[in-house]
């Protein structure tokens, strides 16, 4: 019984870390993957580096984005879900 009592605080700390740090991060990653899969040509987006543009072409892993300067090829993962959704809500 004493052995379990020694490890009980560490178990509680691990459970707290899981529910307050690990689980929310996994949930956010899953939402971002769903968002990346739902992108379509013509969507207005903002990249994680702050570039604004409109999707011109979609490939499996990459996206061609039209900006005022021209067309850019970038990874789908470079698109910011949060900032792009705020841009869509402004519209």
N, C-alpha and C. Protein backbone atom coordinates (compact mmCIF):
# COMPACT_ATOMS: atom_id res chain seq x y z
N UNK A 1 0.82 -1.19 0.00
CA UNK A 1 0.00 0.00 0.00
C UNK A 1 0.87 1.27 0.00
N UNK A 2 2.00 1.25 0.72
CA UNK A 2 2.88 2.42 0.76
C UNK A 2 3.48 2.72 -0.60
N UNK A 3 3.78 1.68 -1.35
CA UNK A 3 4.37 1.87 -2.68
C UNK A 3 3.44 2.63 -3.60
N UNK A 4 2.17 2.34 -3.55
CA UNK A 4 1.19 3.03 -4.38
C UNK A 4 1.07 4.49 -3.95
N UNK A 5 1.09 4.74 -2.66
CA UNK A 5 0.96 6.11 -2.15
C UNK A 5 2.14 6.97 -2.56
N UNK A 6 3.29 6.38 -2.72
CA UNK A 6 4.46 7.15 -3.15
C UNK A 6 4.30 7.61 -4.61
N UNK A 7 3.71 6.79 -5.44
CA UNK A 7 3.58 7.11 -6.86
C UNK A 7 2.28 7.82 -7.20
N UNK A 8 1.35 7.92 -6.28
CA UNK A 8 0.06 8.56 -6.52
C UNK A 8 0.20 10.03 -6.95
N UNK A 9 1.01 10.85 -6.30
CA UNK A 9 1.16 12.24 -6.78
C UNK A 9 1.71 12.32 -8.20
N UNK A 10 2.65 11.45 -8.56
CA UNK A 10 3.19 11.46 -9.92
C UNK A 10 2.14 11.04 -10.94
N UNK A 11 1.30 10.10 -10.56
CA UNK A 11 0.22 9.67 -11.45
C UNK A 11 -0.76 10.82 -11.67
N UNK A 12 -1.12 11.54 -10.61
CA UNK A 12 -2.02 12.68 -10.74
C UNK A 12 -1.41 13.78 -11.61
N UNK A 13 -0.13 14.02 -11.47
CA UNK A 13 0.54 15.02 -12.29
C UNK A 13 0.51 14.62 -13.76
N UNK A 14 0.78 13.34 -14.05
CA UNK A 14 0.74 12.87 -15.44
C UNK A 14 -0.67 13.01 -16.02
N UNK A 15 -1.68 12.66 -15.25
CA UNK A 15 -3.06 12.78 -15.72
C UNK A 15 -3.39 14.25 -15.99
N UNK A 16 -2.98 15.15 -15.10
CA UNK A 16 -3.24 16.58 -15.30
C UNK A 16 -2.53 17.09 -16.54
N UNK A 17 -1.28 16.71 -16.74
CA UNK A 17 -0.55 17.13 -17.94
C UNK A 17 -1.24 16.62 -19.19
N UNK A 18 -1.72 15.39 -19.16
CA UNK A 18 -2.40 14.83 -20.32
C UNK A 18 -3.64 15.65 -20.66
N UNK A 19 -4.50 15.92 -19.66
CA UNK A 19 -5.76 16.60 -19.94
C UNK A 19 -5.61 18.10 -20.19
N UNK A 20 -4.57 18.72 -19.68
CA UNK A 20 -4.42 20.15 -19.88
C UNK A 20 -3.43 20.54 -20.96
N UNK A 21 -2.58 19.61 -21.40
CA UNK A 21 -1.58 19.96 -22.41
C UNK A 21 -1.61 19.05 -23.63
N UNK A 22 -1.53 17.78 -23.44
CA UNK A 22 -1.39 16.84 -24.56
C UNK A 22 -2.69 16.70 -25.33
N UNK A 23 -3.78 16.45 -24.65
CA UNK A 23 -5.07 16.22 -25.31
C UNK A 23 -5.53 17.43 -26.13
N UNK A 24 -5.49 18.67 -25.58
CA UNK A 24 -5.89 19.81 -26.40
C UNK A 24 -5.02 20.00 -27.65
N UNK A 25 -3.73 19.72 -27.52
CA UNK A 25 -2.84 19.84 -28.67
C UNK A 25 -3.20 18.83 -29.75
N UNK A 26 -3.51 17.60 -29.35
CA UNK A 26 -3.91 16.58 -30.32
C UNK A 26 -5.22 16.97 -31.00
N UNK A 27 -6.14 17.54 -30.24
CA UNK A 27 -7.43 17.96 -30.80
C UNK A 27 -7.22 19.06 -31.83
N UNK A 28 -6.36 20.03 -31.52
CA UNK A 28 -6.08 21.12 -32.45
C UNK A 28 -5.42 20.60 -33.72
N UNK A 29 -4.49 19.67 -33.60
CA UNK A 29 -3.84 19.09 -34.77
C UNK A 29 -4.85 18.38 -35.67
N UNK A 30 -5.80 17.69 -35.05
CA UNK A 30 -6.83 16.99 -35.82
C UNK A 30 -7.72 18.00 -36.56
N UNK A 31 -8.06 19.12 -35.91
CA UNK A 31 -8.86 20.15 -36.56
C UNK A 31 -8.10 20.77 -37.73
N UNK A 32 -6.80 20.99 -37.58
CA UNK A 32 -6.01 21.56 -38.66
C UNK A 32 -5.94 20.62 -39.86
N UNK A 33 -5.80 19.33 -39.60
CA UNK A 33 -5.78 18.35 -40.71
C UNK A 33 -7.12 18.35 -41.44
N UNK A 34 -8.21 18.43 -40.70
CA UNK A 34 -9.54 18.47 -41.30
C UNK A 34 -9.69 19.74 -42.13
N UNK A 35 -9.20 20.87 -41.61
CA UNK A 35 -9.28 22.13 -42.34
C UNK A 35 -8.47 22.06 -43.63
N UNK A 36 -7.26 21.51 -43.56
CA UNK A 36 -6.42 21.37 -44.75
C UNK A 36 -7.12 20.53 -45.81
N UNK A 37 -7.81 19.49 -45.39
CA UNK A 37 -8.50 18.61 -46.34
C UNK A 37 -9.73 19.29 -46.95
N UNK A 38 -10.31 20.27 -46.25
CA UNK A 38 -11.53 20.91 -46.73
C UNK A 38 -11.26 22.12 -47.62
N UNK A 39 -10.00 22.48 -47.83
CA UNK A 39 -9.68 23.63 -48.68
C UNK A 39 -10.11 23.37 -50.12
N UNK A 40 -10.53 24.45 -50.79
CA UNK A 40 -10.94 24.31 -52.18
C UNK A 40 -10.45 25.52 -52.97
N UNK A 41 -10.42 25.40 -54.27
CA UNK A 41 -9.96 26.48 -55.15
C UNK A 41 -10.87 27.69 -54.95
N UNK A 42 -10.25 28.86 -54.80
CA UNK A 42 -11.01 30.09 -54.63
C UNK A 42 -11.08 30.56 -53.18
N UNK A 43 -10.72 29.71 -52.24
CA UNK A 43 -10.73 30.11 -50.82
C UNK A 43 -9.67 31.16 -50.57
N UNK A 44 -10.04 32.16 -49.76
CA UNK A 44 -9.06 33.15 -49.32
C UNK A 44 -8.37 32.60 -48.09
N UNK A 45 -7.04 32.70 -48.07
CA UNK A 45 -6.27 32.12 -46.97
C UNK A 45 -5.21 33.09 -46.48
N UNK A 46 -4.69 32.80 -45.29
CA UNK A 46 -3.54 33.49 -44.71
C UNK A 46 -2.56 32.41 -44.30
N UNK A 47 -1.30 32.58 -44.68
CA UNK A 47 -0.30 31.58 -44.29
C UNK A 47 0.19 31.87 -42.88
N UNK A 48 0.90 30.92 -42.31
CA UNK A 48 1.44 31.09 -40.96
C UNK A 48 2.47 32.21 -40.91
N UNK A 49 3.05 32.56 -42.05
CA UNK A 49 4.01 33.67 -42.09
C UNK A 49 3.33 35.00 -42.37
N UNK A 50 2.02 34.98 -42.62
CA UNK A 50 1.27 36.22 -42.78
C UNK A 50 0.93 36.62 -44.20
N UNK A 51 1.24 35.80 -45.19
CA UNK A 51 0.91 36.12 -46.58
C UNK A 51 -0.58 35.88 -46.82
N UNK A 52 -1.23 36.84 -47.48
CA UNK A 52 -2.64 36.71 -47.83
C UNK A 52 -2.75 36.34 -49.30
N UNK A 53 -3.73 35.52 -49.63
CA UNK A 53 -3.91 35.15 -51.02
C UNK A 53 -5.16 34.32 -51.23
N UNK A 54 -5.32 33.86 -52.45
CA UNK A 54 -6.47 33.04 -52.84
C UNK A 54 -5.93 31.77 -53.49
N UNK A 55 -6.51 30.64 -53.16
CA UNK A 55 -6.04 29.36 -53.69
C UNK A 55 -6.38 29.28 -55.18
N UNK A 56 -5.35 29.02 -56.00
CA UNK A 56 -5.52 28.89 -57.45
C UNK A 56 -5.55 27.43 -57.86
N UNK A 57 -4.71 26.61 -57.23
CA UNK A 57 -4.63 25.18 -57.55
C UNK A 57 -4.38 24.40 -56.27
N UNK A 58 -4.90 23.19 -56.24
CA UNK A 58 -4.68 22.30 -55.10
C UNK A 58 -4.07 21.00 -55.58
N UNK A 59 -3.05 20.56 -54.89
CA UNK A 59 -2.46 19.24 -55.12
C UNK A 59 -2.54 18.49 -53.80
N UNK A 60 -2.05 17.28 -53.81
CA UNK A 60 -2.14 16.46 -52.60
C UNK A 60 -1.41 17.09 -51.41
N UNK A 61 -0.19 17.57 -51.63
CA UNK A 61 0.59 18.14 -50.53
C UNK A 61 0.85 19.64 -50.67
N UNK A 62 0.64 20.19 -51.87
CA UNK A 62 0.98 21.59 -52.10
C UNK A 62 -0.24 22.38 -52.55
N UNK A 63 -0.09 23.70 -52.51
CA UNK A 63 -1.13 24.63 -52.92
C UNK A 63 -0.47 25.74 -53.73
N UNK A 64 -1.11 26.16 -54.80
CA UNK A 64 -0.65 27.33 -55.53
C UNK A 64 -1.56 28.48 -55.10
N UNK A 65 -0.93 29.53 -54.54
CA UNK A 65 -1.67 30.66 -54.01
C UNK A 65 -1.42 31.88 -54.87
N UNK A 66 -2.51 32.57 -55.27
CA UNK A 66 -2.40 33.82 -56.01
C UNK A 66 -2.31 34.95 -55.00
N UNK A 67 -1.28 35.77 -55.14
CA UNK A 67 -1.14 36.97 -54.32
C UNK A 67 -1.06 38.16 -55.26
N UNK A 68 -0.95 39.34 -54.70
CA UNK A 68 -0.81 40.53 -55.54
C UNK A 68 0.50 40.51 -56.33
N UNK A 69 1.50 39.81 -55.80
CA UNK A 69 2.81 39.75 -56.45
C UNK A 69 2.89 38.65 -57.51
N UNK A 70 1.97 37.72 -57.51
CA UNK A 70 2.00 36.62 -58.46
C UNK A 70 1.54 35.33 -57.80
N UNK A 71 1.98 34.22 -58.36
CA UNK A 71 1.59 32.92 -57.82
C UNK A 71 2.74 32.31 -57.02
N UNK A 72 2.39 31.69 -55.91
CA UNK A 72 3.37 31.03 -55.05
C UNK A 72 2.97 29.59 -54.82
N UNK A 73 3.96 28.71 -54.82
CA UNK A 73 3.75 27.30 -54.51
C UNK A 73 4.16 27.08 -53.06
N UNK A 74 3.28 26.52 -52.26
CA UNK A 74 3.61 26.28 -50.86
C UNK A 74 2.93 25.01 -50.37
N UNK A 75 3.39 24.53 -49.23
CA UNK A 75 2.83 23.34 -48.61
C UNK A 75 1.46 23.67 -48.01
N UNK A 76 0.58 22.70 -48.00
CA UNK A 76 -0.73 22.89 -47.37
C UNK A 76 -0.59 23.20 -45.89
N UNK A 77 0.41 22.62 -45.26
CA UNK A 77 0.60 22.81 -43.83
C UNK A 77 1.03 24.23 -43.49
N UNK A 78 1.39 25.05 -44.48
CA UNK A 78 1.80 26.43 -44.23
C UNK A 78 0.60 27.36 -44.06
N UNK A 79 -0.60 26.85 -44.31
CA UNK A 79 -1.80 27.67 -44.20
C UNK A 79 -2.26 27.68 -42.75
N UNK A 80 -2.53 28.86 -42.24
CA UNK A 80 -2.97 29.02 -40.86
C UNK A 80 -4.49 28.89 -40.78
N UNK A 81 -4.95 27.90 -40.05
CA UNK A 81 -6.38 27.67 -39.90
C UNK A 81 -7.03 28.84 -39.17
N UNK A 82 -6.46 29.29 -38.07
CA UNK A 82 -7.05 30.34 -37.26
C UNK A 82 -7.16 31.66 -38.01
N UNK A 83 -6.06 32.09 -38.62
CA UNK A 83 -6.06 33.37 -39.32
C UNK A 83 -6.94 33.33 -40.58
N UNK A 84 -6.96 32.20 -41.27
CA UNK A 84 -7.78 32.08 -42.47
C UNK A 84 -9.26 32.10 -42.11
N UNK A 85 -9.63 31.47 -41.01
CA UNK A 85 -11.04 31.49 -40.60
C UNK A 85 -11.46 32.89 -40.17
N UNK A 86 -10.57 33.64 -39.51
CA UNK A 86 -10.88 35.02 -39.16
C UNK A 86 -11.08 35.86 -40.41
N UNK A 87 -10.28 35.61 -41.44
CA UNK A 87 -10.41 36.32 -42.71
C UNK A 87 -11.75 36.00 -43.35
N UNK A 88 -12.18 34.74 -43.32
CA UNK A 88 -13.45 34.34 -43.88
C UNK A 88 -14.62 34.98 -43.11
N UNK A 89 -14.48 35.08 -41.78
CA UNK A 89 -15.54 35.66 -40.95
C UNK A 89 -15.69 37.16 -41.22
N UNK A 90 -14.58 37.85 -41.56
CA UNK A 90 -14.62 39.28 -41.86
C UNK A 90 -15.43 39.55 -43.10
N UNK A 91 -15.36 38.65 -44.04
CA UNK A 91 -16.00 38.79 -45.34
C UNK A 91 -17.46 38.97 -45.18
